[in-house]
Protein backbone atom coordinates (compact mmCIF):
# COMPACT_ATOMS: atom_id res chain seq x y z
CA UNK A 1 -95.15 -92.39 1.83
CA UNK A 2 -98.33 -89.97 2.86
CA UNK A 3 -98.39 -86.63 1.29
CA UNK A 4 -100.96 -84.54 3.85
CA UNK A 5 -102.04 -81.46 2.19
CA UNK A 6 -102.20 -78.16 4.15
CA UNK A 7 -106.05 -78.93 4.92
CA UNK A 8 -104.75 -82.28 6.43
CA UNK A 9 -102.55 -80.41 8.66
CA UNK A 10 -105.30 -77.85 9.46
CA UNK A 11 -107.55 -80.27 10.38
CA UNK A 12 -105.01 -81.83 12.47
CA UNK A 13 -103.93 -79.20 14.12
CA UNK A 14 -107.57 -77.58 14.74
CA UNK A 15 -108.02 -80.90 16.73
CA UNK A 16 -105.15 -81.32 18.86
CA UNK A 17 -105.61 -77.56 20.07
CA UNK A 18 -109.25 -77.44 20.62
CA UNK A 19 -110.66 -75.65 18.31
CA UNK A 20 -112.17 -78.29 16.26
CA UNK A 21 -114.23 -79.30 19.31
CA UNK A 22 -114.22 -77.40 22.68
CA UNK A 23 -113.12 -79.93 25.17
CA UNK A 24 -114.12 -80.81 28.82
CA UNK A 25 -111.19 -80.85 30.57
CA UNK A 26 -109.74 -78.75 33.64
CA UNK A 27 -107.56 -75.81 32.86
CA UNK A 28 -104.42 -77.44 34.20
CA UNK A 29 -105.01 -80.16 31.67
CA UNK A 30 -106.15 -78.37 28.80
CA UNK A 31 -102.55 -75.83 29.66
CA UNK A 32 -100.41 -79.40 29.95
CA UNK A 33 -101.81 -80.87 26.48
CA UNK A 34 -101.04 -77.34 24.71
CA UNK A 35 -97.61 -77.09 26.36
CA UNK A 36 -98.54 -74.00 27.70
CA UNK A 37 -100.15 -70.67 26.50
CA UNK A 38 -97.93 -67.92 25.20
CA UNK A 39 -98.92 -65.07 27.73
CA UNK A 40 -96.68 -61.60 27.53
CA UNK A 41 -100.05 -59.83 27.17
CA UNK A 42 -101.29 -61.15 30.73
CA UNK A 43 -104.90 -61.54 29.95
CA UNK A 44 -105.23 -63.33 26.38
CA UNK A 45 -104.78 -67.08 27.95
CA UNK A 46 -108.24 -66.43 29.06
CA UNK A 47 -109.53 -65.97 25.51
CA UNK A 48 -107.21 -68.70 24.21
CA UNK A 49 -108.90 -71.01 26.96
CA UNK A 50 -112.60 -69.72 26.42
CA UNK A 51 -111.80 -70.55 22.59
CA UNK A 52 -111.01 -74.38 23.65
CA UNK A 53 -112.54 -75.02 26.49
CA UNK A 54 -116.52 -75.57 26.80
CA UNK A 55 -117.71 -74.33 30.13
CA UNK A 56 -114.71 -71.86 30.62
CA UNK A 57 -114.90 -69.31 32.88
CA UNK A 58 -112.27 -66.67 34.05
CA UNK A 59 -112.28 -68.16 37.70
CA UNK A 60 -110.96 -71.99 36.76
CA UNK A 61 -107.83 -69.65 35.40
CA UNK A 62 -107.82 -67.55 37.94
CA UNK A 63 -108.03 -70.41 40.68
CA UNK A 64 -105.01 -71.94 39.06
CA UNK A 65 -102.47 -69.31 39.13
CA UNK A 66 -103.17 -68.45 42.59
CA UNK A 67 -103.66 -72.31 43.28
CA UNK A 68 -100.35 -72.53 41.77
CA UNK A 69 -100.99 -75.15 39.84
CA UNK A 70 -100.34 -73.00 36.86
CA UNK A 71 -97.51 -70.43 36.83
CA UNK A 72 -96.23 -67.82 34.57
CA UNK A 73 -92.62 -67.79 33.56
CA UNK A 74 -90.01 -67.55 30.64
CA UNK A 75 -89.99 -70.47 28.69
CA UNK A 76 -90.31 -71.19 25.39
CA UNK A 77 -88.65 -68.61 22.90
CA UNK A 78 -87.99 -66.22 26.10
CA UNK A 79 -91.02 -65.41 25.94
CA UNK A 80 -94.13 -65.37 28.85
CA UNK A 81 -95.61 -68.55 29.33
CA UNK A 82 -98.43 -70.07 31.18
CA UNK A 83 -97.37 -73.38 31.82
CA UNK A 84 -98.58 -76.29 34.08
CA UNK A 85 -95.86 -76.17 37.57
CA UNK A 86 -94.85 -79.60 37.12
CA UNK A 87 -93.38 -78.60 33.37
CA UNK A 88 -92.52 -75.04 34.34
CA UNK A 89 -89.99 -77.61 36.71
CA UNK A 90 -89.48 -80.27 34.54
CA UNK A 91 -88.90 -78.20 31.48
CA UNK A 92 -86.50 -75.46 32.54
CA UNK A 93 -83.47 -76.72 33.02
CA UNK A 94 -83.83 -78.18 29.35
CA UNK A 95 -84.38 -74.16 28.41
CA UNK A 96 -81.28 -72.89 30.33
CA UNK A 97 -78.80 -72.52 27.47
CA UNK A 98 -81.23 -70.83 25.21
CA UNK A 99 -82.51 -68.49 27.63
CA UNK A 100 -79.35 -67.41 28.26
CA UNK A 101 -77.92 -67.25 24.71
CA UNK A 102 -81.11 -65.49 23.76
CA UNK A 103 -80.75 -62.32 26.67
CA UNK A 104 -76.82 -62.20 25.27
CA UNK A 105 -77.21 -61.98 21.67
CA UNK A 106 -80.31 -59.31 22.82
CA UNK A 107 -77.49 -57.64 25.03
CA UNK A 108 -73.92 -59.01 23.97
CA UNK A 109 -72.12 -55.59 23.90
CA UNK A 110 -73.67 -54.20 27.22
CA UNK A 111 -73.29 -57.41 28.79
CA UNK A 112 -69.99 -58.48 27.60
CA UNK A 113 -67.19 -59.69 29.56
CA UNK A 114 -70.13 -60.43 32.51
CA UNK A 115 -69.61 -63.66 34.60
CA UNK A 116 -72.87 -65.07 34.39
CA UNK A 117 -72.49 -67.47 37.54
CA UNK A 118 -71.05 -64.50 39.89
CA UNK A 119 -74.46 -62.49 38.50
CA UNK A 120 -76.76 -65.29 39.05
CA UNK A 121 -75.31 -65.98 42.43
CA UNK A 122 -75.65 -62.41 43.30
CA UNK A 123 -79.33 -63.26 42.30
CA UNK A 124 -80.36 -65.80 44.24
CA UNK A 125 -78.93 -64.76 47.52
CA UNK A 126 -81.04 -61.46 47.60
CA UNK A 127 -83.95 -63.56 46.47
CA UNK A 128 -83.03 -65.82 49.26
CA UNK A 129 -85.51 -64.11 52.00
CA UNK A 130 -88.51 -65.30 49.90
CA UNK A 131 -89.52 -61.84 49.29
CA UNK A 132 -90.99 -60.98 45.97
CA UNK A 133 -89.16 -58.32 43.95
CA UNK A 134 -90.18 -56.53 40.85
CA UNK A 135 -87.01 -56.56 38.06
CA UNK A 136 -86.02 -53.20 38.88
CA UNK A 137 -85.86 -54.38 42.67
CA UNK A 138 -83.76 -56.65 42.31
CA UNK A 139 -81.06 -54.84 39.88
CA UNK A 140 -81.09 -52.54 42.24
CA UNK A 141 -80.03 -54.97 45.21
CA UNK A 142 -77.02 -55.98 43.01
CA UNK A 143 -75.92 -53.34 40.27
CA UNK A 144 -73.22 -51.69 42.60
CA UNK A 145 -71.25 -55.16 41.58
CA UNK A 146 -72.09 -54.39 38.36
CA UNK A 147 -72.59 -50.69 37.71
CA UNK A 148 -71.34 -51.12 33.32
CA UNK A 149 -74.70 -52.75 32.11
CA UNK A 150 -77.71 -50.93 31.78
CA UNK A 151 -80.41 -51.76 33.94
CA UNK A 152 -82.92 -53.17 31.36
CA UNK A 153 -80.19 -56.04 30.22
CA UNK A 154 -78.48 -56.64 33.58
CA UNK A 155 -82.42 -57.52 35.04
CA UNK A 156 -83.54 -59.27 31.85
CA UNK A 157 -80.30 -61.08 32.45
CA UNK A 158 -81.44 -62.48 36.01
CA UNK A 159 -85.28 -62.59 35.74
CA UNK A 160 -86.01 -64.15 32.40
CA UNK A 161 -82.35 -66.36 32.05
CA UNK A 162 -80.53 -67.22 35.45
CA UNK A 163 -82.56 -67.08 37.71
CA UNK A 164 -86.01 -69.50 37.17
CA UNK A 165 -88.58 -67.22 38.51
CA UNK A 166 -92.55 -67.37 38.62
CA UNK A 167 -94.40 -63.98 37.77
CA UNK A 168 -96.75 -63.67 40.57
CA UNK A 169 -100.50 -62.85 40.82
CA UNK A 170 -102.35 -61.10 40.52
CA UNK A 171 -100.04 -60.27 37.34
CA UNK A 172 -102.38 -62.14 35.21
CA UNK A 173 -105.72 -62.58 37.37
CA UNK A 174 -108.46 -61.58 35.25
CA UNK A 175 -109.91 -57.82 34.77
CA UNK A 176 -107.14 -56.66 37.19
CA UNK A 177 -103.98 -54.59 36.22
CA UNK A 178 -100.82 -55.52 38.03
CA UNK A 179 -97.16 -55.06 37.43
CA UNK A 180 -94.53 -57.86 37.04
CA UNK A 181 -93.60 -59.40 40.99
CA UNK A 182 -90.59 -61.97 40.82
CA UNK A 183 -90.28 -65.25 43.40
CA UNK A 184 -87.75 -68.43 42.10
CA UNK A 185 -89.83 -70.98 40.91
CA UNK A 186 -88.80 -72.87 43.21
CA UNK A 187 -89.74 -70.91 46.26
CA UNK A 188 -93.37 -70.05 45.04
CA UNK A 189 -93.99 -74.09 44.30
CA UNK A 190 -91.66 -75.22 47.16
CA UNK A 191 -89.83 -77.72 45.48
CA UNK A 192 -86.76 -77.20 43.07
CA UNK A 193 -86.08 -77.08 39.34
CA UNK A 194 -85.49 -80.54 38.33
CA UNK A 195 -82.11 -81.59 37.03
CA UNK A 196 -81.01 -82.20 33.12
CA UNK A 197 -80.63 -86.52 33.33
CA UNK A 198 -77.33 -87.96 33.08
CA UNK A 199 -77.15 -90.06 29.69
CA UNK A 200 -77.56 -89.79 26.57
CA UNK A 201 -80.57 -89.38 24.26
CA UNK A 202 -81.82 -86.55 25.96
CA UNK A 203 -85.03 -87.77 27.89
CA UNK A 204 -86.50 -84.57 28.65
CA UNK A 205 -85.93 -83.48 25.36
CA UNK A 206 -87.94 -87.19 24.35
CA UNK A 207 -90.85 -85.68 26.02
CA UNK A 208 -90.95 -82.57 25.04
CA UNK A 209 -90.98 -83.91 21.26
CA UNK A 210 -93.70 -86.07 22.20
CA UNK A 211 -95.57 -83.33 23.98
CA UNK A 212 -95.66 -81.37 20.95
CA UNK A 213 -96.44 -83.54 18.32
CA UNK A 214 -99.75 -84.56 20.58
CA UNK A 215 -100.64 -80.80 20.84
CA UNK A 216 -98.82 -79.79 17.20
CA UNK A 217 -98.23 -82.62 15.26
CA UNK A 218 -97.37 -83.97 12.15
CA UNK A 219 -94.79 -81.07 12.35
CA UNK A 220 -91.10 -81.21 11.26
CA UNK A 221 -87.98 -80.60 13.34
CA UNK A 222 -88.08 -77.31 12.49
CA UNK A 223 -91.49 -76.45 13.50
CA UNK A 224 -90.39 -78.20 16.76
CA UNK A 225 -87.26 -75.74 17.00
CA UNK A 226 -89.18 -72.47 15.78
CA UNK A 227 -92.08 -73.53 18.78
CA UNK A 228 -90.03 -73.86 21.76
CA UNK A 229 -86.79 -71.93 20.66
CA UNK A 230 -84.07 -75.35 21.25
CA UNK A 231 -81.41 -76.03 18.84
CA UNK A 232 -80.42 -78.87 20.19
CA UNK A 233 -83.08 -81.82 20.03
CA UNK A 234 -81.52 -83.81 17.03
CA UNK A 235 -80.56 -86.62 19.54
CA UNK A 236 -84.39 -86.59 20.92
CA UNK A 237 -85.27 -87.14 17.44
CA UNK A 238 -83.40 -89.67 16.59
CA UNK A 239 -83.72 -91.78 19.66
CA UNK A 240 -88.02 -91.34 19.56
CA UNK A 241 -88.15 -91.74 15.82
CA UNK A 242 -89.34 -95.75 15.88
CA UNK A 243 -91.94 -94.58 17.84
CA UNK A 244 -93.20 -92.09 15.58
CA UNK A 245 -95.00 -92.09 12.08
CA UNK A 246 -93.96 -90.22 9.06
CA UNK A 247 -95.68 -88.16 6.27
CA UNK A 248 -94.29 -85.39 4.15
CA UNK A 249 -96.13 -81.88 3.35
CA UNK A 250 -97.28 -81.13 -0.40
CA UNK A 251 -93.41 -79.30 -0.27
CA UNK A 252 -91.88 -82.19 0.50
CA UNK A 253 -90.75 -81.68 4.26
CA UNK A 254 -91.00 -84.71 6.73
CA UNK A 255 -93.44 -84.51 9.25
CA UNK A 256 -93.79 -86.75 12.28
CA UNK A 257 -96.48 -87.29 14.28
CA UNK A 258 -97.86 -90.08 17.24
CA UNK A 259 -99.01 -93.36 15.88
CA UNK A 260 -102.62 -92.67 17.16
CA UNK A 261 -102.92 -88.88 17.55
CA UNK A 262 -105.62 -87.18 15.40
CA UNK A 263 -105.98 -86.73 12.05
CA UNK A 264 -109.26 -85.53 11.03
CA UNK A 265 -110.57 -86.09 7.04
CA UNK A 266 -109.85 -82.36 5.50
CA UNK A 267 -113.30 -81.86 5.07
CA UNK A 268 -114.47 -81.87 8.64
CA UNK A 269 -115.91 -78.97 9.02
CA UNK A 270 -114.56 -76.14 11.55
CA UNK A 271 -116.79 -73.65 13.38
CA UNK A 272 -115.38 -70.26 13.91
CA UNK A 273 -113.12 -69.39 16.30
CA UNK A 274 -111.90 -65.97 18.03
CA UNK A 275 -107.91 -66.32 18.83
CA UNK A 276 -106.33 -64.09 21.38
CA UNK A 277 -103.15 -62.40 20.39
CA UNK A 278 -99.87 -64.02 20.35
CA UNK A 279 -101.89 -67.51 19.98
CA UNK A 280 -99.42 -70.97 19.71
CA UNK A 281 -102.06 -72.29 17.31
CA UNK A 282 -100.28 -69.83 14.47
CA UNK A 283 -96.69 -69.38 16.26
CA UNK A 284 -96.31 -72.95 16.85
CA UNK A 285 -94.93 -73.63 13.51
CA UNK A 286 -91.59 -72.95 11.63
CA UNK A 287 -94.38 -73.01 8.34
CA UNK A 288 -97.28 -72.03 9.44
CA UNK A 289 -99.35 -72.05 6.10
CA UNK A 290 -101.71 -74.75 7.31
CA UNK A 291 -103.41 -72.20 9.25
CA UNK A 292 -102.59 -68.39 7.77
CA UNK A 293 -101.93 -67.11 4.25
CA UNK A 294 -98.61 -66.13 3.40
CA UNK A 295 -99.88 -62.50 3.01
CA UNK A 296 -100.92 -62.13 6.48
CA UNK A 297 -97.84 -63.78 7.99
CA UNK A 298 -96.95 -60.41 9.71
CA UNK A 299 -100.47 -60.21 12.20
CA UNK A 300 -99.55 -63.16 13.88
CA UNK A 301 -96.03 -61.47 14.66
CA UNK A 302 -97.30 -58.22 15.73
CA UNK A 303 -99.87 -58.87 18.64
CA UNK A 304 -103.33 -58.78 16.08
CA UNK A 305 -105.95 -61.11 17.26
CA UNK A 306 -107.58 -63.05 14.65
CA UNK A 307 -110.83 -65.26 13.63
CA UNK A 308 -110.49 -68.34 12.25
CA UNK A 309 -113.03 -69.22 9.30
CA UNK A 310 -112.99 -72.53 8.25
CA UNK A 311 -109.58 -73.39 10.24
CA UNK A 312 -108.09 -70.59 8.59
CA UNK A 313 -106.68 -67.01 9.79
CA UNK A 314 -109.45 -64.88 7.89
CA UNK A 315 -109.78 -61.50 10.21
CA UNK A 316 -108.30 -59.58 13.32
CA UNK A 317 -110.60 -58.52 15.96
CA UNK A 318 -110.18 -55.73 18.73
CA UNK A 319 -112.60 -54.18 21.35
CA UNK A 320 -112.52 -50.24 21.18
CA UNK A 321 -115.11 -47.69 21.78
CA UNK A 322 -116.89 -50.18 23.23
CA UNK A 323 -117.39 -52.42 20.01
CA UNK A 324 -116.12 -55.43 19.33
CA UNK A 325 -114.61 -54.83 15.84
CA UNK A 326 -114.04 -57.56 13.26
CA UNK A 327 -111.87 -56.82 10.43
CA UNK A 328 -111.94 -59.65 7.38
CA UNK A 329 -108.75 -60.26 5.55
CA UNK A 330 -111.22 -61.45 2.61
CA UNK A 331 -115.11 -61.32 1.30
CA UNK A 332 -117.33 -63.52 3.56
CA UNK A 333 -119.74 -65.34 2.88
CA UNK A 334 -123.61 -64.34 4.05
CA UNK A 335 -123.51 -67.94 6.03
CA UNK A 336 -119.76 -67.24 7.03
CA UNK A 337 -120.76 -63.64 8.54
CA UNK A 338 -123.50 -65.15 9.77
CA UNK A 339 -121.33 -67.91 11.93
CA UNK A 340 -118.39 -64.78 12.46
CA UNK A 341 -121.61 -63.12 13.99
CA UNK A 342 -122.76 -65.64 16.15
CA UNK A 343 -119.50 -66.77 17.66
CA UNK A 344 -118.43 -62.51 18.21
CA UNK A 345 -121.70 -62.62 20.01
CA UNK A 346 -120.58 -65.02 22.60
CA UNK A 347 -117.03 -63.70 22.80
CA UNK A 348 -118.41 -60.40 24.15
CA UNK A 349 -120.74 -61.76 26.53
CA UNK A 350 -117.34 -63.62 28.06
CA UNK A 351 -115.48 -60.48 27.87
CA UNK A 352 -117.49 -58.62 29.87
CA UNK A 353 -116.13 -55.24 29.20
CA UNK A 354 -119.71 -53.31 28.67
CA UNK A 355 -119.43 -53.82 24.86
CA UNK A 356 -122.40 -52.32 23.54
CA UNK A 357 -122.49 -53.70 19.83
CA UNK A 358 -120.09 -55.80 16.89
CA UNK A 359 -118.76 -54.48 13.93
CA UNK A 360 -118.28 -56.89 11.28
CA UNK A 361 -116.81 -54.70 8.79
CA UNK A 362 -117.93 -56.07 5.32
CA UNK A 363 -115.24 -54.13 3.18
CA UNK A 364 -111.78 -56.07 2.54
């Protein structure tokens, strides 16, 4: 069986993520291919798409959000994701159990003994007037019936688990600051969430698997679980297995992939890329060694924006005091510094935040 080393896996990931060569697809097509972008920080997806798409402008994503082809919603790992409207409706029912379990796991004591179906029915009744509400407003409308749980616990149960919700614009629009206003997905998109199909084989899970591999493969089953947060996908993997190819990584893990998906030569040059906080190119795996060193794993979950040099996380970046600060995690060669600085200058222009200077720290 073919063994793929970390560099081969890195180049495959970069190619699938449009980080080896910027793509020329539309925003909805890119969001669909990437299986969504993590978006709890509202403006970070703009940076993620800028790094991946040629000629991307913020207006393209604004138009997709206001035009309802892309939507902000709780989905993978119970985090807010930017996904296409079609995917939100097709995938939500498959995530329902996980979303409930994660909220109940966080607030197990506070929500003990509560009847979830009663709470869901009450929340849907409140939202039936099709008026967008904040989480606080929704909780205030039902809390007389459930005075025990803290507002935060009851609110997250309603908007992140029990009722499939969209977070409406202007939340998530470029250079706009807005609180979260919720509306049921079915109301916002004028279409009900797709029900789970009857029968064996988990067809929705199989589609998730194939879509994941197209954007993240080759990958192990554990990577798939880490990306979506779903534990119950073994049936989907078994059902799709005959259509997949199998590799091993250097640790002996079995890696699954689509037969015709790109797997560039490990020596393929990789350009400098600036990634936003919580980018799924890093977080979309259980084993992240293909893109980030073990010593820096904490950066990927702490909200640090990162810089890829030769395909790997090699620096962090931030904007403060009208400067774009880049802090390398290892010494950079002179050509690497030049490439990082050049990409940073294009990012400075894109961000349009009156950034006066790019500052690259040379000490590590």
